[in-house]
Amino acid sequence: ISFDATCSLVVRDPAGAQVSVSLTGQKRWDTIVWLDHRAIDEA
């Protein structure tokens, strides 16, 4: 089996639990989608 996926960024803690990437603070939203342009200034 193999996987392909969009180039989205997933963040987990050292134990493998979800870490929030959202301004809402909800841990479930742990992945910044590839098309997200929040980091345009950083780019």
All heavy atoms as atom14 arrays in JSON, in Angstrom:
{
  "sequence": "ISFDATCSLVVRDPAGAQVSVSLTGQKRWDTIVWLDHRAIDEA",
  "atom14_mask": [
    [1, 1, 1, 1, 1, 1, 1, 1, 0, 0, 0, 0, 0, 0],
    [1, 1, 1, 1, 1, 1, 0, 0, 0, 0, 0, 0, 0, 0],
    [1, 1, 1, 1, 1, 1, 1, 1, 1, 1, 1, 0, 0, 0],
    [1, 1, 1, 1, 1, 1, 1, 1, 0, 0, 0, 0, 0, 0],
    [1, 1, 1, 1, 1, 0, 0, 0, 0, 0, 0, 0, 0, 0],
    [1, 1, 1, 1, 1, 1, 1, 0, 0, 0, 0, 0, 0, 0],
    [1, 1, 1, 1, 1, 1, 0, 0, 0, 0, 0, 0, 0, 0],
    [1, 1, 1, 1, 1, 1, 0, 0, 0, 0, 0, 0, 0, 0],
    [1, 1, 1, 1, 1, 1, 1, 1, 0, 0, 0, 0, 0, 0],
    [1, 1, 1, 1, 1, 1, 1, 0, 0, 0, 0, 0, 0, 0],
    [1, 1, 1, 1, 1, 1, 1, 0, 0, 0, 0, 0, 0, 0],
    [1, 1, 1, 1, 1, 1, 1, 1, 1, 1, 1, 0, 0, 0],
    [1, 1, 1, 1, 1, 1, 1, 1, 0, 0, 0, 0, 0, 0],
    [1, 1, 1, 1, 1, 1, 1, 0, 0, 0, 0, 0, 0, 0],
    [1, 1, 1, 1, 1, 0, 0, 0, 0, 0, 0, 0, 0, 0],
    [1, 1, 1, 1, 0, 0, 0, 0, 0, 0, 0, 0, 0, 0],
    [1, 1, 1, 1, 1, 0, 0, 0, 0, 0, 0, 0, 0, 0],
    [1, 1, 1, 1, 1, 1, 1, 1, 1, 0, 0, 0, 0, 0],
    [1, 1, 1, 1, 1, 1, 1, 0, 0, 0, 0, 0, 0, 0],
    [1, 1, 1, 1, 1, 1, 0, 0, 0, 0, 0, 0, 0, 0],
    [1, 1, 1, 1, 1, 1, 1, 0, 0, 0, 0, 0, 0, 0],
    [1, 1, 1, 1, 1, 1, 0, 0, 0, 0, 0, 0, 0, 0],
    [1, 1, 1, 1, 1, 1, 1, 1, 0, 0, 0, 0, 0, 0],
    [1, 1, 1, 1, 1, 1, 1, 0, 0, 0, 0, 0, 0, 0],
    [1, 1, 1, 1, 0, 0, 0, 0, 0, 0, 0, 0, 0, 0],
    [1, 1, 1, 1, 1, 1, 1, 1, 1, 0, 0, 0, 0, 0],
    [1, 1, 1, 1, 1, 1, 1, 1, 1, 0, 0, 0, 0, 0],
    [1, 1, 1, 1, 1, 1, 1, 1, 1, 1, 1, 0, 0, 0],
    [1, 1, 1, 1, 1, 1, 1, 1, 1, 1, 1, 1, 1, 1],
    [1, 1, 1, 1, 1, 1, 1, 1, 0, 0, 0, 0, 0, 0],
    [1, 1, 1, 1, 1, 1, 1, 0, 0, 0, 0, 0, 0, 0],
    [1, 1, 1, 1, 1, 1, 1, 1, 0, 0, 0, 0, 0, 0],
    [1, 1, 1, 1, 1, 1, 1, 0, 0, 0, 0, 0, 0, 0],
    [1, 1, 1, 1, 1, 1, 1, 1, 1, 1, 1, 1, 1, 1],
    [1, 1, 1, 1, 1, 1, 1, 1, 0, 0, 0, 0, 0, 0],
    [1, 1, 1, 1, 1, 1, 1, 1, 0, 0, 0, 0, 0, 0],
    [1, 1, 1, 1, 1, 1, 1, 1, 1, 1, 0, 0, 0, 0],
    [1, 1, 1, 1, 1, 1, 1, 1, 1, 1, 1, 0, 0, 0],
    [1, 1, 1, 1, 1, 0, 0, 0, 0, 0, 0, 0, 0, 0],
    [1, 1, 1, 1, 1, 1, 1, 1, 0, 0, 0, 0, 0, 0],
    [1, 1, 1, 1, 1, 1, 1, 1, 0, 0, 0, 0, 0, 0],
    [1, 1, 1, 1, 1, 1, 1, 1, 1, 0, 0, 0, 0, 0],
    [1, 1, 1, 1, 1, 0, 0, 0, 0, 0, 0, 0, 0, 0]
  ],
  "atom14_positions": [
    [[0.85, -1.19, 0.0], [0.0, 0.0, 0.0], [0.89, 1.23, 0.0], [1.99, 1.23, 0.57], [-0.95, 0.02, 1.23], [-1.94, 1.19, 1.15], [-0.16, 0.07, 2.54], [-3.03, 1.15, 2.23], [0.0, 0.0, 0.0], [0.0, 0.0, 0.0], [0.0, 0.0, 0.0], [0.0, 0.0, 0.0], [0.0, 0.0, 0.0], [0.0, 0.0, 0.0]],
    [[0.45, 2.27, -0.68], [1.15, 3.54, -0.63], [0.13, 4.67, -0.68], [-1.03, 4.46, -1.06], [2.15, 3.67, -1.78], [3.0, 4.78, -1.59], [0.0, 0.0, 0.0], [0.0, 0.0, 0.0], [0.0, 0.0, 0.0], [0.0, 0.0, 0.0], [0.0, 0.0, 0.0], [0.0, 0.0, 0.0], [0.0, 0.0, 0.0], [0.0, 0.0, 0.0]],
    [[0.6, 5.86, -0.3], [-0.27, 7.02, -0.17], [0.28, 8.2, -0.97], [1.48, 8.47, -0.95], [-0.38, 7.44, 1.3], [-0.83, 6.35, 2.22], [0.1, 5.5, 2.82], [-2.18, 6.17, 2.5], [-0.32, 4.49, 3.67], [-2.6, 5.16, 3.35], [-1.67, 4.32, 3.93], [0.0, 0.0, 0.0], [0.0, 0.0, 0.0], [0.0, 0.0, 0.0]],
    [[-0.61, 8.88, -1.66], [-0.29, 10.22, -2.16], [-1.27, 11.18, -1.51], [-2.36, 10.78, -1.08], [-0.36, 10.3, -3.68], [-1.79, 10.28, -4.23], [-2.51, 11.27, -4.05], [-2.18, 9.27, -4.84], [0.0, 0.0, 0.0], [0.0, 0.0, 0.0], [0.0, 0.0, 0.0], [0.0, 0.0, 0.0], [0.0, 0.0, 0.0], [0.0, 0.0, 0.0]],
    [[-0.89, 12.43, -1.42], [-1.76, 13.42, -0.77], [-1.36, 14.82, -1.19], [-0.27, 15.04, -1.72], [-1.68, 13.29, 0.75], [0.0, 0.0, 0.0], [0.0, 0.0, 0.0], [0.0, 0.0, 0.0], [0.0, 0.0, 0.0], [0.0, 0.0, 0.0], [0.0, 0.0, 0.0], [0.0, 0.0, 0.0], [0.0, 0.0, 0.0], [0.0, 0.0, 0.0]],
    [[-2.24, 15.76, -0.95], [-1.92, 17.16, -1.14], [-0.76, 17.53, -0.2], [-0.52, 16.87, 0.81], [-3.11, 18.06, -0.82], [-3.45, 17.92, 0.57], [-4.31, 17.71, -1.68], [0.0, 0.0, 0.0], [0.0, 0.0, 0.0], [0.0, 0.0, 0.0], [0.0, 0.0, 0.0], [0.0, 0.0, 0.0], [0.0, 0.0, 0.0], [0.0, 0.0, 0.0]],
    [[-0.05, 18.59, -0.53], [1.11, 18.99, 0.28], [0.65, 19.85, 1.46], [1.08, 20.99, 1.64], [2.13, 19.72, -0.57], [1.47, 21.09, -1.53], [0.0, 0.0, 0.0], [0.0, 0.0, 0.0], [0.0, 0.0, 0.0], [0.0, 0.0, 0.0], [0.0, 0.0, 0.0], [0.0, 0.0, 0.0], [0.0, 0.0, 0.0], [0.0, 0.0, 0.0]],
    [[-0.21, 19.28, 2.3], [-0.71, 19.95, 3.49], [0.19, 19.62, 4.68], [0.84, 18.58, 4.71], [-2.15, 19.52, 3.76], [-2.98, 19.83, 2.65], [0.0, 0.0, 0.0], [0.0, 0.0, 0.0], [0.0, 0.0, 0.0], [0.0, 0.0, 0.0], [0.0, 0.0, 0.0], [0.0, 0.0, 0.0], [0.0, 0.0, 0.0], [0.0, 0.0, 0.0]],
    [[0.23, 20.51, 5.66], [1.13, 20.4, 6.81], [0.39, 19.87, 8.03], [-0.56, 20.5, 8.5], [1.74, 21.77, 7.13], [2.58, 21.85, 8.4], [3.87, 21.05, 8.26], [2.89, 23.32, 8.73], [0.0, 0.0, 0.0], [0.0, 0.0, 0.0], [0.0, 0.0, 0.0], [0.0, 0.0, 0.0], [0.0, 0.0, 0.0], [0.0, 0.0, 0.0]],
    [[0.84, 18.73, 8.58], [0.23, 18.11, 9.76], [1.16, 18.29, 10.95], [2.37, 18.06, 10.84], [-0.02, 16.6, 9.54], [-0.75, 15.99, 10.74], [-0.8, 16.36, 8.25], [0.0, 0.0, 0.0], [0.0, 0.0, 0.0], [0.0, 0.0, 0.0], [0.0, 0.0, 0.0], [0.0, 0.0, 0.0], [0.0, 0.0, 0.0], [0.0, 0.0, 0.0]],
    [[0.6, 18.69, 12.09], [1.39, 18.92, 13.3], [0.88, 18.01, 14.41], [-0.32, 17.98, 14.71], [1.31, 20.39, 13.76], [2.17, 20.62, 14.99], [1.76, 21.32, 12.62], [0.0, 0.0, 0.0], [0.0, 0.0, 0.0], [0.0, 0.0, 0.0], [0.0, 0.0, 0.0], [0.0, 0.0, 0.0], [0.0, 0.0, 0.0], [0.0, 0.0, 0.0]],
    [[1.8, 17.27, 15.02], [1.49, 16.38, 16.14], [2.48, 16.63, 17.27], [3.59, 17.13, 17.05], [1.59, 14.91, 15.69], [0.51, 14.48, 14.69], [-0.85, 14.45, 15.37], [-1.94, 14.04, 14.51], [-2.66, 12.92, 14.65], [-2.37, 12.08, 15.63], [-3.65, 12.65, 13.85], [0.0, 0.0, 0.0], [0.0, 0.0, 0.0], [0.0, 0.0, 0.0]],
    [[2.1, 16.22, 18.5], [3.0, 16.37, 19.63], [3.92, 15.15, 19.73], [3.8, 14.2, 18.94], [2.23, 16.66, 20.92], [1.47, 15.45, 21.46], [1.71, 14.31, 21.01], [0.62, 15.65, 22.36], [0.0, 0.0, 0.0], [0.0, 0.0, 0.0], [0.0, 0.0, 0.0], [0.0, 0.0, 0.0], [0.0, 0.0, 0.0], [0.0, 0.0, 0.0]],
    [[4.89, 15.13, 20.67], [5.82, 14.0, 20.73], [5.15, 12.65, 20.92], [5.71, 11.62, 20.49], [6.71, 14.36, 21.93], [6.67, 15.86, 21.99], [5.27, 16.22, 21.59], [0.0, 0.0, 0.0], [0.0, 0.0, 0.0], [0.0, 0.0, 0.0], [0.0, 0.0, 0.0], [0.0, 0.0, 0.0], [0.0, 0.0, 0.0], [0.0, 0.0, 0.0]],
    [[3.98, 12.62, 21.55], [3.27, 11.36, 21.75], [2.37, 11.01, 20.57], [1.72, 9.96, 20.58], [2.45, 11.43, 23.04], [0.0, 0.0, 0.0], [0.0, 0.0, 0.0], [0.0, 0.0, 0.0], [0.0, 0.0, 0.0], [0.0, 0.0, 0.0], [0.0, 0.0, 0.0], [0.0, 0.0, 0.0], [0.0, 0.0, 0.0], [0.0, 0.0, 0.0]],
    [[2.31, 11.87, 19.56], [1.49, 11.6, 18.39], [0.1, 12.21, 18.44], [-0.7, 11.97, 17.53], [0.0, 0.0, 0.0], [0.0, 0.0, 0.0], [0.0, 0.0, 0.0], [0.0, 0.0, 0.0], [0.0, 0.0, 0.0], [0.0, 0.0, 0.0], [0.0, 0.0, 0.0], [0.0, 0.0, 0.0], [0.0, 0.0, 0.0], [0.0, 0.0, 0.0]],
    [[-0.21, 12.99, 19.49], [-1.54, 13.6, 19.6], [-1.62, 14.85, 18.73], [-0.6, 15.47, 18.4], [-1.85, 13.94, 21.05], [0.0, 0.0, 0.0], [0.0, 0.0, 0.0], [0.0, 0.0, 0.0], [0.0, 0.0, 0.0], [0.0, 0.0, 0.0], [0.0, 0.0, 0.0], [0.0, 0.0, 0.0], [0.0, 0.0, 0.0], [0.0, 0.0, 0.0]],
    [[-2.84, 15.24, 18.39], [-3.05, 16.39, 17.52], [-2.67, 17.7, 18.21], [-2.89, 17.88, 19.41], [-4.51, 16.44, 17.09], [-4.92, 15.29, 16.16], [-6.38, 15.35, 15.76], [-7.23, 14.89, 16.52], [-6.68, 15.88, 14.58], [0.0, 0.0, 0.0], [0.0, 0.0, 0.0], [0.0, 0.0, 0.0], [0.0, 0.0, 0.0], [0.0, 0.0, 0.0]],
    [[-2.12, 18.63, 17.42], [-1.74, 19.97, 17.88], [-2.45, 20.97, 16.98], [-2.37, 20.88, 15.75], [-0.22, 20.18, 17.83], [0.13, 21.62, 18.17], [0.5, 19.21, 18.77], [0.0, 0.0, 0.0], [0.0, 0.0, 0.0], [0.0, 0.0, 0.0], [0.0, 0.0, 0.0], [0.0, 0.0, 0.0], [0.0, 0.0, 0.0], [0.0, 0.0, 0.0]],
    [[-3.11, 21.94, 17.56], [-3.89, 22.9, 16.77], [-3.01, 23.79, 15.92], [-1.98, 24.3, 16.38], [-4.74, 23.77, 17.7], [-5.48, 24.71, 16.95], [0.0, 0.0, 0.0], [0.0, 0.0, 0.0], [0.0, 0.0, 0.0], [0.0, 0.0, 0.0], [0.0, 0.0, 0.0], [0.0, 0.0, 0.0], [0.0, 0.0, 0.0], [0.0, 0.0, 0.0]],
    [[-3.44, 24.0, 14.68], [-2.83, 25.01, 13.8], [-3.82, 26.13, 13.54], [-3.61, 26.98, 12.67], [-2.38, 24.38, 12.47], [-1.33, 23.3, 12.7], [-3.58, 23.82, 11.69], [0.0, 0.0, 0.0], [0.0, 0.0, 0.0], [0.0, 0.0, 0.0], [0.0, 0.0, 0.0], [0.0, 0.0, 0.0], [0.0, 0.0, 0.0], [0.0, 0.0, 0.0]],
    [[-4.91, 26.15, 14.3], [-6.03, 27.05, 14.05], [-6.1, 28.17, 15.07], [-5.82, 27.96, 16.26], [-7.34, 26.25, 14.08], [-8.46, 27.09, 13.88], [0.0, 0.0, 0.0], [0.0, 0.0, 0.0], [0.0, 0.0, 0.0], [0.0, 0.0, 0.0], [0.0, 0.0, 0.0], [0.0, 0.0, 0.0], [0.0, 0.0, 0.0], [0.0, 0.0, 0.0]],
    [[-6.48, 29.35, 14.62], [-6.7, 30.46, 15.54], [-7.85, 30.17, 16.49], [-7.99, 30.84, 17.52], [-6.97, 31.74, 14.75], [-5.79, 32.28, 13.93], [-6.22, 33.47, 13.08], [-4.62, 32.67, 14.84], [0.0, 0.0, 0.0], [0.0, 0.0, 0.0], [0.0, 0.0, 0.0], [0.0, 0.0, 0.0], [0.0, 0.0, 0.0], [0.0, 0.0, 0.0]],
    [[-8.69, 29.19, 16.16], [-9.77, 28.8, 17.07], [-9.23, 28.05, 18.29], [-9.94, 27.93, 19.3], [-10.78, 27.89, 16.36], [-10.16, 26.62, 16.04], [-11.3, 28.53, 15.08], [0.0, 0.0, 0.0], [0.0, 0.0, 0.0], [0.0, 0.0, 0.0], [0.0, 0.0, 0.0], [0.0, 0.0, 0.0], [0.0, 0.0, 0.0], [0.0, 0.0, 0.0]],
    [[-8.03, 27.5, 18.19], [-7.45, 26.73, 19.28], [-7.93, 25.29, 19.35], [-7.45, 24.53, 20.2], [0.0, 0.0, 0.0], [0.0, 0.0, 0.0], [0.0, 0.0, 0.0], [0.0, 0.0, 0.0], [0.0, 0.0, 0.0], [0.0, 0.0, 0.0], [0.0, 0.0, 0.0], [0.0, 0.0, 0.0], [0.0, 0.0, 0.0], [0.0, 0.0, 0.0]],
    [[-8.84, 24.89, 18.48], [-9.34, 23.52, 18.5], [-8.27, 22.56, 18.01], [-7.75, 22.7, 16.9], [-10.59, 23.39, 17.63], [-11.8, 24.13, 18.16], [-13.01, 23.95, 17.24], [-13.13, 24.64, 16.23], [-13.86, 23.03, 17.59], [0.0, 0.0, 0.0], [0.0, 0.0, 0.0], [0.0, 0.0, 0.0], [0.0, 0.0, 0.0], [0.0, 0.0, 0.0]],
    [[-7.95, 21.55, 18.82], [-6.87, 20.62, 18.48], [-7.17, 19.79, 17.24], [-6.26, 19.36, 16.55], [-6.58, 19.71, 19.67], [-5.92, 20.4, 20.84], [-5.54, 19.42, 21.94], [-4.83, 20.13, 23.09], [-4.44, 19.17, 24.16], [0.0, 0.0, 0.0], [0.0, 0.0, 0.0], [0.0, 0.0, 0.0], [0.0, 0.0, 0.0], [0.0, 0.0, 0.0]],
    [[-8.46, 19.57, 16.98], [-8.79, 18.72, 15.83], [-8.29, 19.31, 14.52], [-7.96, 18.58, 13.59], [-10.29, 18.48, 15.75], [-11.12, 19.73, 15.44], [-12.59, 19.44, 15.29], [-12.86, 18.47, 14.23], [-14.08, 18.22, 13.75], [-15.13, 18.86, 14.25], [-14.25, 17.35, 12.79], [0.0, 0.0, 0.0], [0.0, 0.0, 0.0], [0.0, 0.0, 0.0]],
    [[-8.22, 20.65, 14.46], [-7.72, 21.29, 13.23], [-6.21, 21.38, 13.33], [-5.64, 22.41, 13.67], [-8.37, 22.65, 13.04], [-9.87, 22.62, 13.04], [-10.7, 23.24, 13.92], [-10.71, 21.88, 12.13], [-12.02, 22.96, 13.62], [-12.05, 22.12, 12.53], [-10.48, 21.06, 11.04], [-13.14, 21.56, 11.87], [-11.56, 20.5, 10.37], [-12.86, 20.75, 10.78]],
    [[-5.56, 20.27, 12.98], [-4.1, 20.13, 13.15], [-3.36, 20.16, 11.82], [-2.15, 19.9, 11.78], [-3.78, 18.83, 13.88], [-4.18, 17.59, 13.08], [-4.96, 17.69, 12.13], [-3.7, 16.49, 13.44], [0.0, 0.0, 0.0], [0.0, 0.0, 0.0], [0.0, 0.0, 0.0], [0.0, 0.0, 0.0], [0.0, 0.0, 0.0], [0.0, 0.0, 0.0]],
    [[-4.06, 20.5, 10.73], [-3.47, 20.43, 9.39], [-3.77, 21.71, 8.62], [-4.94, 22.08, 8.46], [-4.03, 19.21, 8.62], [-3.78, 18.02, 9.37], [-3.41, 19.1, 7.24], [0.0, 0.0, 0.0], [0.0, 0.0, 0.0], [0.0, 0.0, 0.0], [0.0, 0.0, 0.0], [0.0, 0.0, 0.0], [0.0, 0.0, 0.0], [0.0, 0.0, 0.0]],
    [[-2.71, 22.37, 8.15], [-2.88, 23.53, 7.28], [-2.95, 23.02, 5.85], [-2.02, 22.39, 5.35], [-1.72, 24.53, 7.43], [-1.6, 25.02, 8.88], [-1.92, 25.73, 6.5], [-0.45, 25.99, 9.12], [0.0, 0.0, 0.0], [0.0, 0.0, 0.0], [0.0, 0.0, 0.0], [0.0, 0.0, 0.0], [0.0, 0.0, 0.0], [0.0, 0.0, 0.0]],
    [[-4.07, 23.29, 5.17], [-4.29, 22.78, 3.82], [-3.33, 23.45, 2.84], [-2.95, 24.61, 3.0], [-5.76, 23.02, 3.4], [-6.03, 22.45, 2.0], [-6.71, 22.39, 4.41], [0.0, 0.0, 0.0], [0.0, 0.0, 0.0], [0.0, 0.0, 0.0], [0.0, 0.0, 0.0], [0.0, 0.0, 0.0], [0.0, 0.0, 0.0], [0.0, 0.0, 0.0]],
    [[-2.96, 22.73, 1.81], [-1.99, 23.22, 0.82], [-2.37, 24.59, 0.28], [-1.51, 25.46, 0.09], [-1.86, 22.22, -0.33], [-3.08, 22.13, -1.19], [-4.15, 21.31, -1.03], [-3.38, 22.93, -2.34], [-5.1, 21.53, -1.99], [-4.66, 22.52, -2.82], [-2.71, 23.94, -3.02], [-5.26, 23.09, -3.94], [-3.32, 24.51, -4.15], [-4.57, 24.09, -4.59]],
    [[-3.66, 24.83, 0.03], [-4.09, 26.07, -0.62], [-4.19, 27.25, 0.34], [-4.45, 28.37, -0.08], [-5.42, 25.86, -1.35], [-6.63, 25.32, -0.57], [-7.29, 26.38, 0.29], [-7.63, 24.71, -1.52], [0.0, 0.0, 0.0], [0.0, 0.0, 0.0], [0.0, 0.0, 0.0], [0.0, 0.0, 0.0], [0.0, 0.0, 0.0], [0.0, 0.0, 0.0]],
    [[-3.99, 27.01, 1.61], [-4.04, 28.06, 2.63], [-2.92, 29.08, 2.36], [-1.77, 28.71, 2.22], [-3.86, 27.4, 4.01], [-3.96, 28.36, 5.16], [-3.16, 29.32, 5.21], [-4.8, 28.14, 6.05], [0.0, 0.0, 0.0], [0.0, 0.0, 0.0], [0.0, 0.0, 0.0], [0.0, 0.0, 0.0], [0.0, 0.0, 0.0], [0.0, 0.0, 0.0]],
    [[-3.28, 30.37, 2.3], [-2.31, 31.42, 2.02], [-2.1, 32.35, 3.21], [-1.71, 33.51, 3.03], [-2.75, 32.24, 0.79], [-2.34, 31.63, -0.51], [-2.21, 32.36, -1.68], [-2.03, 30.35, -0.85], [-1.84, 31.57, -2.67], [-1.73, 30.34, -2.19], [0.0, 0.0, 0.0], [0.0, 0.0, 0.0], [0.0, 0.0, 0.0], [0.0, 0.0, 0.0]],
    [[-2.29, 31.85, 4.42], [-2.1, 32.7, 5.6], [-0.65, 33.18, 5.73], [-0.38, 34.21, 6.36], [-2.49, 31.94, 6.87], [-1.55, 30.79, 7.26], [-1.99, 30.05, 8.5], [-3.21, 29.29, 8.26], [-3.83, 28.58, 9.2], [-3.35, 28.52, 10.44], [-4.92, 27.91, 8.91], [0.0, 0.0, 0.0], [0.0, 0.0, 0.0], [0.0, 0.0, 0.0]],
    [[0.29, 32.42, 5.16], [1.71, 32.72, 5.34], [2.3, 33.48, 4.16], [3.49, 33.36, 3.88], [2.47, 31.42, 5.57], [0.0, 0.0, 0.0], [0.0, 0.0, 0.0], [0.0, 0.0, 0.0], [0.0, 0.0, 0.0], [0.0, 0.0, 0.0], [0.0, 0.0, 0.0], [0.0, 0.0, 0.0], [0.0, 0.0, 0.0], [0.0, 0.0, 0.0]],
    [[1.51, 34.31, 3.52], [2.02, 35.01, 2.34], [3.13, 36.0, 2.7], [4.1, 36.15, 1.95], [0.86, 35.7, 1.59], [1.3, 36.13, 0.19], [0.28, 36.87, 2.38], [0.15, 36.5, -0.73], [0.0, 0.0, 0.0], [0.0, 0.0, 0.0], [0.0, 0.0, 0.0], [0.0, 0.0, 0.0], [0.0, 0.0, 0.0], [0.0, 0.0, 0.0]],
    [[3.03, 36.66, 3.86], [4.09, 37.59, 4.27], [5.39, 36.83, 4.56], [6.48, 37.28, 4.22], [3.67, 38.39, 5.5], [2.56, 39.39, 5.19], [2.39, 39.74, 4.01], [1.86, 39.79, 6.14], [0.0, 0.0, 0.0], [0.0, 0.0, 0.0], [0.0, 0.0, 0.0], [0.0, 0.0, 0.0], [0.0, 0.0, 0.0], [0.0, 0.0, 0.0]],
    [[5.24, 35.67, 5.2], [6.41, 34.86, 5.5], [7.07, 34.34, 4.22], [8.3, 34.25, 4.12], [6.03, 33.69, 6.41], [5.74, 34.07, 7.86], [4.37, 34.71, 8.09], [3.57, 34.73, 7.13], [4.09, 35.17, 9.21], [0.0, 0.0, 0.0], [0.0, 0.0, 0.0], [0.0, 0.0, 0.0], [0.0, 0.0, 0.0], [0.0, 0.0, 0.0]],
    [[6.24, 34.01, 3.22], [6.79, 33.58, 1.93], [7.6, 34.7, 1.3], [8.69, 34.46, 0.75], [5.66, 33.13, 1.01], [0.0, 0.0, 0.0], [0.0, 0.0, 0.0], [0.0, 0.0, 0.0], [0.0, 0.0, 0.0], [0.0, 0.0, 0.0], [0.0, 0.0, 0.0], [0.0, 0.0, 0.0], [0.0, 0.0, 0.0], [0.0, 0.0, 0.0]]
  ]
}
